[in-house]
Amino acid sequence: MLRIDALILAAGEARRFGRPKQLLPWGENETILSHVIDQVSKTPGIVSAHVILGAWFDEITTTLAKTLKKVNVVHNPDWQSGMFSSLRAGLSQFTATPAKTGENDVDGIIVLLGDMPFISAATLSRFVAAAPAAEPRPLIASEGDRPAHPYLIRASHIGKILSLSGESGIRPFIQKEFPEAHKIEVEKSVGRRDIDTWQGYFNNRPPDSAEVVPPP
């Protein structure tokens, strides 16, 4: 069996919200980020999860202290440089040991965003199930004929990704690999839908979410 880990990128400042978007209520007794972590934790075949935090680090780690015990928390001090810095910080966790030389080596890494609570354990399970047959190709969510989220990269891809300048994020890698990648078809409401504005939050959050008042 392949060892599959998950990276959850959640280091952003969410300036439009004026507060940690990761902590906004999402259903009963959950927040956006805790829900994402819960879906990853429920996915059979994902061995461990790594959550990359940056802005609001203290607030998030204090509020979600119990939930974060399920994962490895990685602090990205360079979060202001953009999302690619968080991906780099996360992937750097796997570069110390070459793949397939020890019991803790990783074969595949599912990358997902901490503000995309619509990616369910069922969707993640499709990536885990398809990973062995698709090796050594990456697995990329596809909405129609366009790449979406999440995606699964192999240990052999880490060096290529870390060598990118970061100016365009991981997009050059995804665009280059997408034609030959193993594609997992997802609905637009899953693979391209994040929580980016207050209106988007209120329009999409579960009805049993706790009340919250946006800033004036």
Protein backbone atom coordinates (compact mmCIF):
# COMPACT_ATOMS: atom_id res chain seq x y z
CA MET A 1 0.00 0.00 0.00
CA LEU A 2 1.10 3.53 -0.72
CA ARG A 3 1.57 6.00 2.09
CA ILE A 4 -0.63 9.04 1.44
CA ASP A 5 -0.42 12.20 3.55
CA ALA A 6 -2.38 15.45 3.27
CA LEU A 7 -1.33 19.10 3.27
CA ILE A 8 -3.96 21.64 4.30
CA LEU A 9 -2.93 25.19 3.37
CA ALA A 10 -4.50 27.62 5.84
CA ALA A 11 -1.96 30.38 6.43
CA GLY A 12 -3.75 33.29 4.77
CA GLU A 13 -4.76 36.52 6.46
CA ALA A 14 -8.26 36.72 4.91
CA ARG A 15 -8.14 40.52 4.83
CA ARG A 16 -11.67 40.78 3.39
CA PHE A 17 -13.00 39.25 6.57
CA GLY A 18 -11.04 41.27 9.10
CA ARG A 19 -10.71 38.16 11.27
CA PRO A 20 -9.49 34.56 10.92
CA LYS A 21 -11.72 33.11 8.20
CA GLN A 22 -10.51 29.68 9.30
CA LEU A 23 -12.48 30.08 12.55
CA LEU A 24 -15.84 31.10 11.10
CA PRO A 25 -18.62 28.68 12.19
CA TRP A 26 -19.34 25.87 9.75
CA GLY A 27 -22.13 23.64 10.93
CA GLU A 28 -22.77 22.58 14.49
CA ASN A 29 -19.69 22.92 16.71
CA GLU A 30 -17.28 23.28 13.78
CA THR A 31 -15.36 25.99 11.97
CA ILE A 32 -14.32 26.12 8.32
CA LEU A 33 -10.83 24.80 9.10
CA SER A 34 -11.91 22.22 11.66
CA HIS A 35 -14.41 20.85 9.13
CA VAL A 36 -11.68 20.47 6.50
CA ILE A 37 -9.46 18.72 9.04
CA ASP A 38 -12.36 16.46 10.02
CA GLN A 39 -12.96 15.41 6.41
CA VAL A 40 -9.27 14.57 5.98
CA SER A 41 -9.24 12.65 9.27
CA LYS A 42 -12.25 10.60 8.12
CA THR A 43 -10.60 9.56 4.86
CA PRO A 44 -9.32 5.96 4.95
CA GLY A 45 -5.82 5.71 3.56
CA ILE A 46 -4.58 9.16 4.55
CA VAL A 47 -1.91 8.35 7.10
CA SER A 48 -1.34 11.83 8.51
CA ALA A 49 -2.26 15.45 7.85
CA HIS A 50 -0.15 18.59 8.04
CA VAL A 51 -1.82 21.98 8.49
CA ILE A 52 0.15 25.03 7.40
CA LEU A 53 -0.62 28.12 9.46
CA GLY A 54 0.75 31.65 9.32
CA ALA A 55 -1.48 34.68 9.91
CA TRP A 56 -3.64 34.36 13.04
CA PHE A 57 -1.39 31.54 14.22
CA ASP A 58 -1.99 32.13 17.93
CA GLU A 59 -5.76 32.60 17.57
CA ILE A 60 -6.17 29.46 15.48
CA THR A 61 -3.95 27.21 17.56
CA THR A 62 -5.68 28.36 20.76
CA THR A 63 -9.26 28.07 19.46
CA LEU A 64 -8.73 24.76 17.67
CA ALA A 65 -6.30 23.25 20.16
CA LYS A 66 -8.26 19.98 20.44
CA THR A 67 -8.77 19.59 16.68
CA LEU A 68 -5.15 20.37 15.89
CA LYS A 69 -4.01 17.45 18.02
CA LYS A 70 -5.09 15.27 15.07
CA VAL A 71 -2.55 16.87 12.74
CA ASN A 72 1.00 18.11 12.46
CA VAL A 73 0.97 21.92 12.63
CA VAL A 74 3.56 23.66 10.47
CA HIS A 75 4.21 27.36 11.02
CA ASN A 76 4.93 29.35 7.86
CA PRO A 77 6.63 32.57 8.97
CA ASP A 78 6.74 33.73 5.33
CA TRP A 79 2.94 33.55 4.83
CA GLN A 80 2.78 37.13 3.55
CA SER A 81 4.63 36.00 0.42
CA GLY A 82 1.55 34.09 -0.72
CA MET A 83 0.12 30.60 -0.87
CA PHE A 84 3.13 29.07 -2.58
CA SER A 85 5.23 29.82 0.50
CA SER A 86 2.83 27.63 2.49
CA LEU A 87 3.07 24.84 -0.06
CA ARG A 88 6.84 25.11 0.11
CA ALA A 89 6.77 24.99 3.91
CA GLY A 90 4.55 21.92 3.82
CA LEU A 91 6.50 20.02 1.18
CA SER A 92 9.73 20.73 3.01
CA GLN A 93 8.46 18.34 5.70
CA PHE A 94 9.03 15.48 3.27
CA THR A 95 12.43 16.31 1.78
CA ALA A 96 14.68 15.05 4.57
CA THR A 97 14.38 11.37 3.58
CA PRO A 98 14.23 9.99 0.03
CA ALA A 99 11.06 8.11 -0.85
CA LYS A 100 10.74 4.37 -0.17
CA THR A 101 13.70 4.07 2.19
CA GLY A 102 11.92 3.96 5.53
CA GLU A 103 8.59 3.40 7.19
CA ASN A 104 7.83 7.12 7.46
CA ASP A 105 8.45 7.93 3.80
CA VAL A 106 5.57 9.37 1.81
CA ASP A 107 4.47 8.18 -1.64
CA GLY A 108 1.70 10.68 -2.32
CA ILE A 109 0.59 14.01 -0.88
CA ILE A 110 -2.94 15.35 -1.29
CA VAL A 111 -2.92 19.15 -1.25
CA LEU A 112 -6.10 21.00 -0.36
CA LEU A 113 -7.04 24.46 0.83
CA GLY A 114 -8.26 25.27 4.30
CA ASP A 115 -11.10 27.45 2.96
CA MET A 116 -12.67 24.78 0.73
CA PRO A 117 -15.03 22.92 3.09
CA PHE A 118 -16.94 21.40 0.16
CA ILE A 119 -14.22 18.82 -0.48
CA SER A 120 -15.58 15.80 1.37
CA ALA A 121 -14.00 12.63 2.69
CA ALA A 122 -15.78 10.81 -0.15
CA THR A 123 -13.98 12.96 -2.73
CA LEU A 124 -10.63 12.52 -1.01
CA SER A 125 -11.20 8.76 -0.89
CA ARG A 126 -11.40 8.71 -4.69
CA PHE A 127 -7.87 10.12 -4.84
CA VAL A 128 -6.55 7.56 -2.37
CA ALA A 129 -8.23 4.70 -4.21
CA ALA A 130 -6.89 5.77 -7.61
CA ALA A 131 -3.34 6.57 -6.48
CA PRO A 132 -1.77 3.08 -6.84
CA ALA A 133 -2.94 2.46 -10.40
CA ALA A 134 -2.06 5.99 -11.51
CA GLU A 135 1.50 5.90 -10.22
CA PRO A 136 3.81 7.68 -11.01
CA ARG A 137 1.50 10.37 -12.42
CA PRO A 138 -0.04 13.09 -10.27
CA LEU A 139 -3.80 13.00 -9.69
CA ILE A 140 -5.55 16.30 -10.36
CA ALA A 141 -9.19 17.20 -9.83
CA SER A 142 -10.85 18.11 -13.10
CA GLU A 143 -13.91 20.27 -13.60
CA GLY A 144 -14.78 19.71 -17.24
CA ASP A 145 -11.41 20.01 -18.94
CA ARG A 146 -9.92 22.40 -16.40
CA PRO A 147 -7.77 21.60 -13.35
CA ALA A 148 -9.39 22.15 -9.96
CA HIS A 149 -8.81 21.19 -6.33
CA PRO A 150 -7.57 19.04 -4.72
CA TYR A 151 -4.54 17.40 -6.30
CA LEU A 152 -2.22 14.57 -5.32
CA ILE A 153 1.48 14.78 -6.08
CA ARG A 154 4.15 12.10 -5.77
CA ALA A 155 7.35 12.20 -3.76
CA SER A 156 9.23 12.46 -7.07
CA HIS A 157 7.45 15.75 -7.82
CA ILE A 158 8.54 17.56 -4.65
CA GLY A 159 11.90 18.70 -6.02
CA LYS A 160 10.31 20.02 -9.22
CA ILE A 161 7.76 22.02 -7.27
CA LEU A 162 10.24 23.42 -4.78
CA SER A 163 12.42 24.56 -7.68
CA LEU A 164 9.66 26.86 -9.00
CA SER A 165 10.12 30.57 -8.45
CA GLY A 166 6.75 30.84 -6.74
CA GLU A 167 5.75 33.93 -8.71
CA SER A 168 2.91 32.02 -10.36
CA GLY A 169 2.40 29.59 -7.51
CA ILE A 170 2.15 25.93 -8.44
CA ARG A 171 0.24 26.77 -11.62
CA PRO A 172 3.16 26.06 -14.00
CA PHE A 173 3.51 22.54 -12.59
CA ILE A 174 -0.22 21.83 -12.72
CA GLN A 175 -0.56 23.16 -16.28
CA LYS A 176 2.41 21.13 -17.49
CA GLU A 177 1.29 17.89 -15.83
CA PHE A 178 -2.46 18.18 -16.36
CA PRO A 179 -2.67 16.73 -19.90
CA GLU A 180 -1.09 13.41 -18.82
CA ALA A 181 -2.23 13.43 -15.20
CA HIS A 182 -4.79 11.01 -13.83
CA LYS A 183 -7.91 13.14 -13.60
CA ILE A 184 -10.58 12.88 -10.92
CA GLU A 185 -13.75 14.56 -12.17
CA VAL A 186 -15.40 16.81 -9.57
CA GLU A 187 -18.30 19.21 -9.69
CA LYS A 188 -17.60 22.94 -9.93
CA SER A 189 -19.32 23.34 -6.56
CA VAL A 190 -16.53 21.21 -5.08
CA GLY A 191 -13.28 21.86 -6.88
CA ARG A 192 -13.57 25.60 -7.59
CA ARG A 193 -15.64 26.82 -4.68
CA ASP A 194 -13.96 28.44 -1.73
CA ILE A 195 -15.11 30.86 0.95
CA ASP A 196 -13.70 34.16 -0.27
CA THR A 197 -16.26 36.82 0.76
CA TRP A 198 -18.81 37.42 3.49
CA GLN A 199 -21.60 36.95 0.96
CA GLY A 200 -20.13 33.65 -0.16
CA TYR A 201 -19.86 32.54 3.44
CA PHE A 202 -23.46 33.35 4.34
CA ASN A 203 -24.81 31.92 1.07
CA ASN A 204 -23.06 28.58 1.52
CA ARG A 205 -22.63 27.83 5.19
CA PRO A 206 -24.69 25.02 6.74
CA PRO A 207 -27.96 26.22 8.29
CA ASP A 208 -27.01 24.96 11.75
CA SER A 209 -23.93 27.18 11.91
CA ALA A 210 -23.58 29.47 14.91
CA GLU A 211 -24.47 33.11 14.38
CA VAL A 212 -21.71 35.51 13.47
CA VAL A 213 -21.80 39.26 12.82
CA PRO A 214 -19.50 40.63 10.11
CA PRO A 215 -17.65 43.88 10.76
CA PRO A 216 -19.45 47.08 9.69
